[in-house]
Amino acid sequence: MTEPWVSVEQLVEHLGVTRDSIYRWISRRGLPAHRVGRLWKFKVSEVDEWIRGGGADEEKHGDAAPASPRKK
């Protein structure tokens, strides 16, 4: 049996992130996604492998929010 394609909404549920994060990862970090007409589709196994490989790691990609200054 082949793995089904999932939508952005299904991937949001699977990963527990926002739609904006998904679209940002597609454009800036190479999240494995496939365009079908106007829609993005994903194979969960490809996405999970990308995450395990550090694809979503904010510190690795320099996207982390700057640390807030400590109050003394």
N, C-alpha and C. Protein backbone atom coordinates (compact mmCIF):
# COMPACT_ATOMS: atom_id res chain seq x y z
N MET A 1 0.85 -1.18 0.00
CA MET A 1 0.00 0.00 0.00
C MET A 1 0.89 1.24 0.00
N THR A 2 0.54 2.21 -0.80
CA THR A 2 1.34 3.42 -0.86
C THR A 2 0.90 4.42 0.21
N GLU A 3 1.83 5.23 0.60
CA GLU A 3 1.55 6.25 1.62
C GLU A 3 0.68 7.35 1.02
N PRO A 4 -0.37 7.75 1.73
CA PRO A 4 -1.24 8.81 1.18
C PRO A 4 -0.58 10.19 1.28
N TRP A 5 -0.99 11.07 0.39
CA TRP A 5 -0.57 12.46 0.45
C TRP A 5 -1.42 13.16 1.50
N VAL A 6 -0.83 14.10 2.22
CA VAL A 6 -1.59 14.87 3.21
C VAL A 6 -1.54 16.35 2.84
N SER A 7 -2.53 17.08 3.33
CA SER A 7 -2.65 18.51 3.05
C SER A 7 -1.88 19.33 4.08
N VAL A 8 -1.83 20.62 3.84
CA VAL A 8 -1.20 21.54 4.81
C VAL A 8 -1.90 21.41 6.16
N GLU A 9 -3.22 21.39 6.14
CA GLU A 9 -3.97 21.30 7.40
C GLU A 9 -3.67 20.02 8.16
N GLN A 10 -3.56 18.92 7.45
CA GLN A 10 -3.24 17.65 8.09
C GLN A 10 -1.82 17.67 8.65
N LEU A 11 -0.90 18.32 7.93
CA LEU A 11 0.47 18.41 8.41
C LEU A 11 0.56 19.32 9.63
N VAL A 12 -0.23 20.39 9.65
CA VAL A 12 -0.31 21.27 10.82
C VAL A 12 -0.72 20.45 12.04
N GLU A 13 -1.74 19.62 11.88
CA GLU A 13 -2.20 18.76 12.98
C GLU A 13 -1.11 17.78 13.41
N HIS A 14 -0.46 17.15 12.44
CA HIS A 14 0.56 16.15 12.72
C HIS A 14 1.74 16.75 13.49
N LEU A 15 2.17 17.94 13.07
CA LEU A 15 3.36 18.55 13.67
C LEU A 15 3.05 19.48 14.84
N GLY A 16 1.82 19.96 14.93
CA GLY A 16 1.46 20.88 16.00
C GLY A 16 2.08 22.26 15.80
N VAL A 17 2.16 22.71 14.55
CA VAL A 17 2.72 24.02 14.23
C VAL A 17 1.67 24.81 13.45
N THR A 18 2.00 26.06 13.12
CA THR A 18 1.06 26.89 12.37
C THR A 18 1.23 26.71 10.87
N ARG A 19 0.21 27.13 10.13
CA ARG A 19 0.29 27.12 8.66
C ARG A 19 1.44 27.99 8.20
N ASP A 20 1.63 29.13 8.86
CA ASP A 20 2.73 30.03 8.50
C ASP A 20 4.07 29.33 8.61
N SER A 21 4.25 28.52 9.63
CA SER A 21 5.51 27.78 9.78
C SER A 21 5.72 26.83 8.61
N ILE A 22 4.67 26.14 8.21
CA ILE A 22 4.77 25.20 7.09
C ILE A 22 5.21 25.94 5.82
N TYR A 23 4.54 27.03 5.50
CA TYR A 23 4.87 27.78 4.28
C TYR A 23 6.27 28.38 4.36
N ARG A 24 6.66 28.85 5.53
CA ARG A 24 8.01 29.40 5.71
C ARG A 24 9.06 28.30 5.52
N TRP A 25 8.81 27.12 6.06
CA TRP A 25 9.76 26.01 5.91
C TRP A 25 9.86 25.56 4.46
N ILE A 26 8.76 25.63 3.72
CA ILE A 26 8.81 25.27 2.30
C ILE A 26 9.73 26.25 1.56
N SER A 27 9.52 27.54 1.80
CA SER A 27 10.26 28.54 1.02
C SER A 27 11.69 28.76 1.49
N ARG A 28 11.95 28.64 2.78
CA ARG A 28 13.27 28.98 3.31
C ARG A 28 14.15 27.79 3.66
N ARG A 29 13.55 26.65 3.92
CA ARG A 29 14.34 25.54 4.45
C ARG A 29 14.23 24.24 3.68
N GLY A 30 13.48 24.24 2.62
CA GLY A 30 13.41 23.03 1.81
C GLY A 30 12.56 21.91 2.38
N LEU A 31 11.50 22.26 3.11
CA LEU A 31 10.58 21.23 3.59
C LEU A 31 10.11 20.43 2.38
N PRO A 32 10.19 19.10 2.43
CA PRO A 32 9.76 18.30 1.28
C PRO A 32 8.26 18.45 1.03
N ALA A 33 7.92 19.15 -0.03
CA ALA A 33 6.53 19.42 -0.39
C ALA A 33 6.39 19.30 -1.89
N HIS A 34 5.20 18.97 -2.32
CA HIS A 34 4.93 18.76 -3.73
C HIS A 34 3.70 19.59 -4.11
N ARG A 35 3.84 20.39 -5.14
CA ARG A 35 2.74 21.24 -5.59
C ARG A 35 1.83 20.44 -6.52
N VAL A 36 0.55 20.42 -6.20
CA VAL A 36 -0.45 19.77 -7.03
C VAL A 36 -1.48 20.84 -7.36
N GLY A 37 -1.35 21.42 -8.55
CA GLY A 37 -2.19 22.57 -8.88
C GLY A 37 -1.83 23.73 -7.96
N ARG A 38 -2.80 24.23 -7.25
CA ARG A 38 -2.57 25.33 -6.30
C ARG A 38 -2.25 24.83 -4.89
N LEU A 39 -2.35 23.53 -4.67
CA LEU A 39 -2.24 22.97 -3.33
C LEU A 39 -0.86 22.37 -3.08
N TRP A 40 -0.42 22.44 -1.84
CA TRP A 40 0.79 21.75 -1.40
C TRP A 40 0.38 20.41 -0.80
N LYS A 41 1.10 19.37 -1.16
CA LYS A 41 0.85 18.03 -0.60
C LYS A 41 2.16 17.48 -0.05
N PHE A 42 2.06 16.59 0.92
CA PHE A 42 3.21 16.10 1.66
C PHE A 42 3.09 14.60 1.90
N LYS A 43 4.23 13.95 2.00
CA LYS A 43 4.32 12.58 2.50
C LYS A 43 4.86 12.70 3.92
N VAL A 44 4.10 12.23 4.88
CA VAL A 44 4.48 12.38 6.28
C VAL A 44 5.85 11.77 6.54
N SER A 45 6.16 10.64 5.91
CA SER A 45 7.47 10.00 6.14
C SER A 45 8.61 10.91 5.68
N GLU A 46 8.43 11.63 4.56
CA GLU A 46 9.47 12.56 4.09
C GLU A 46 9.64 13.73 5.05
N VAL A 47 8.52 14.25 5.53
CA VAL A 47 8.56 15.38 6.47
C VAL A 47 9.21 14.96 7.78
N ASP A 48 8.82 13.80 8.30
CA ASP A 48 9.40 13.31 9.55
C ASP A 48 10.92 13.11 9.42
N GLU A 49 11.35 12.59 8.28
CA GLU A 49 12.78 12.41 8.05
C GLU A 49 13.50 13.76 7.98
N TRP A 50 12.88 14.74 7.34
CA TRP A 50 13.44 16.10 7.24
C TRP A 50 13.59 16.71 8.63
N ILE A 51 12.59 16.51 9.47
CA ILE A 51 12.65 17.04 10.84
C ILE A 51 13.74 16.34 11.64
N ARG A 52 13.81 15.01 11.57
CA ARG A 52 14.85 14.27 12.28
C ARG A 52 16.24 14.70 11.82
N GLY A 53 16.37 15.11 10.57
CA GLY A 53 17.65 15.57 10.04
C GLY A 53 17.98 17.02 10.41
N GLY A 54 17.12 17.66 11.18
CA GLY A 54 17.38 19.02 11.64
C GLY A 54 16.80 20.11 10.77
N GLY A 55 15.94 19.77 9.83
CA GLY A 55 15.38 20.76 8.93
C GLY A 55 14.57 21.85 9.61
N ALA A 56 13.94 21.53 10.72
CA ALA A 56 13.10 22.50 11.42
C ALA A 56 13.84 23.16 12.58
N ASP A 57 15.11 22.87 12.74
CA ASP A 57 15.89 23.40 13.86
C ASP A 57 16.17 24.89 13.65
N GLU A 58 15.52 25.73 14.46
CA GLU A 58 15.66 27.18 14.30
C GLU A 58 17.08 27.67 14.55
N GLU A 59 17.74 27.13 15.53
CA GLU A 59 19.10 27.58 15.84
C GLU A 59 20.06 27.22 14.72
N LYS A 60 19.86 26.07 14.11
CA LYS A 60 20.72 25.61 13.02
C LYS A 60 20.61 26.53 11.81
N HIS A 61 19.43 27.10 11.60
CA HIS A 61 19.18 27.91 10.42
C HIS A 61 19.20 29.41 10.70
N GLY A 62 19.48 29.80 11.93
CA GLY A 62 19.57 31.21 12.25
C GLY A 62 18.23 31.92 12.28
N ASP A 63 17.14 31.19 12.43
CA ASP A 63 15.80 31.81 12.48
C ASP A 63 15.30 32.00 13.89
N ALA A 64 16.08 31.63 14.86
CA ALA A 64 15.62 31.74 16.25
C ALA A 64 15.47 33.20 16.62
N ALA A 65 14.48 33.46 17.44
CA ALA A 65 14.28 34.84 17.91
C ALA A 65 15.46 35.23 18.80
N PRO A 66 15.87 36.48 18.72
CA PRO A 66 16.99 36.89 19.57
C PRO A 66 16.62 36.76 21.04
N ALA A 67 17.60 36.41 21.83
CA ALA A 67 17.36 36.27 23.26
C ALA A 67 17.03 37.63 23.85
N SER A 68 16.06 37.64 24.75
CA SER A 68 15.72 38.90 25.40
C SER A 68 16.75 39.22 26.46
N PRO A 69 17.06 40.51 26.62
CA PRO A 69 18.08 40.87 27.61
C PRO A 69 17.61 40.52 29.02
N ARG A 70 18.54 40.08 29.82
CA ARG A 70 18.21 39.74 31.20
C ARG A 70 18.10 40.99 32.05
N LYS A 71 17.15 40.95 32.93
CA LYS A 71 17.00 42.06 33.87
C LYS A 71 17.88 41.79 35.07
N LYS A 72 18.52 42.84 35.55
CA LYS A 72 19.42 42.67 36.70
C LYS A 72 18.76 43.11 37.96
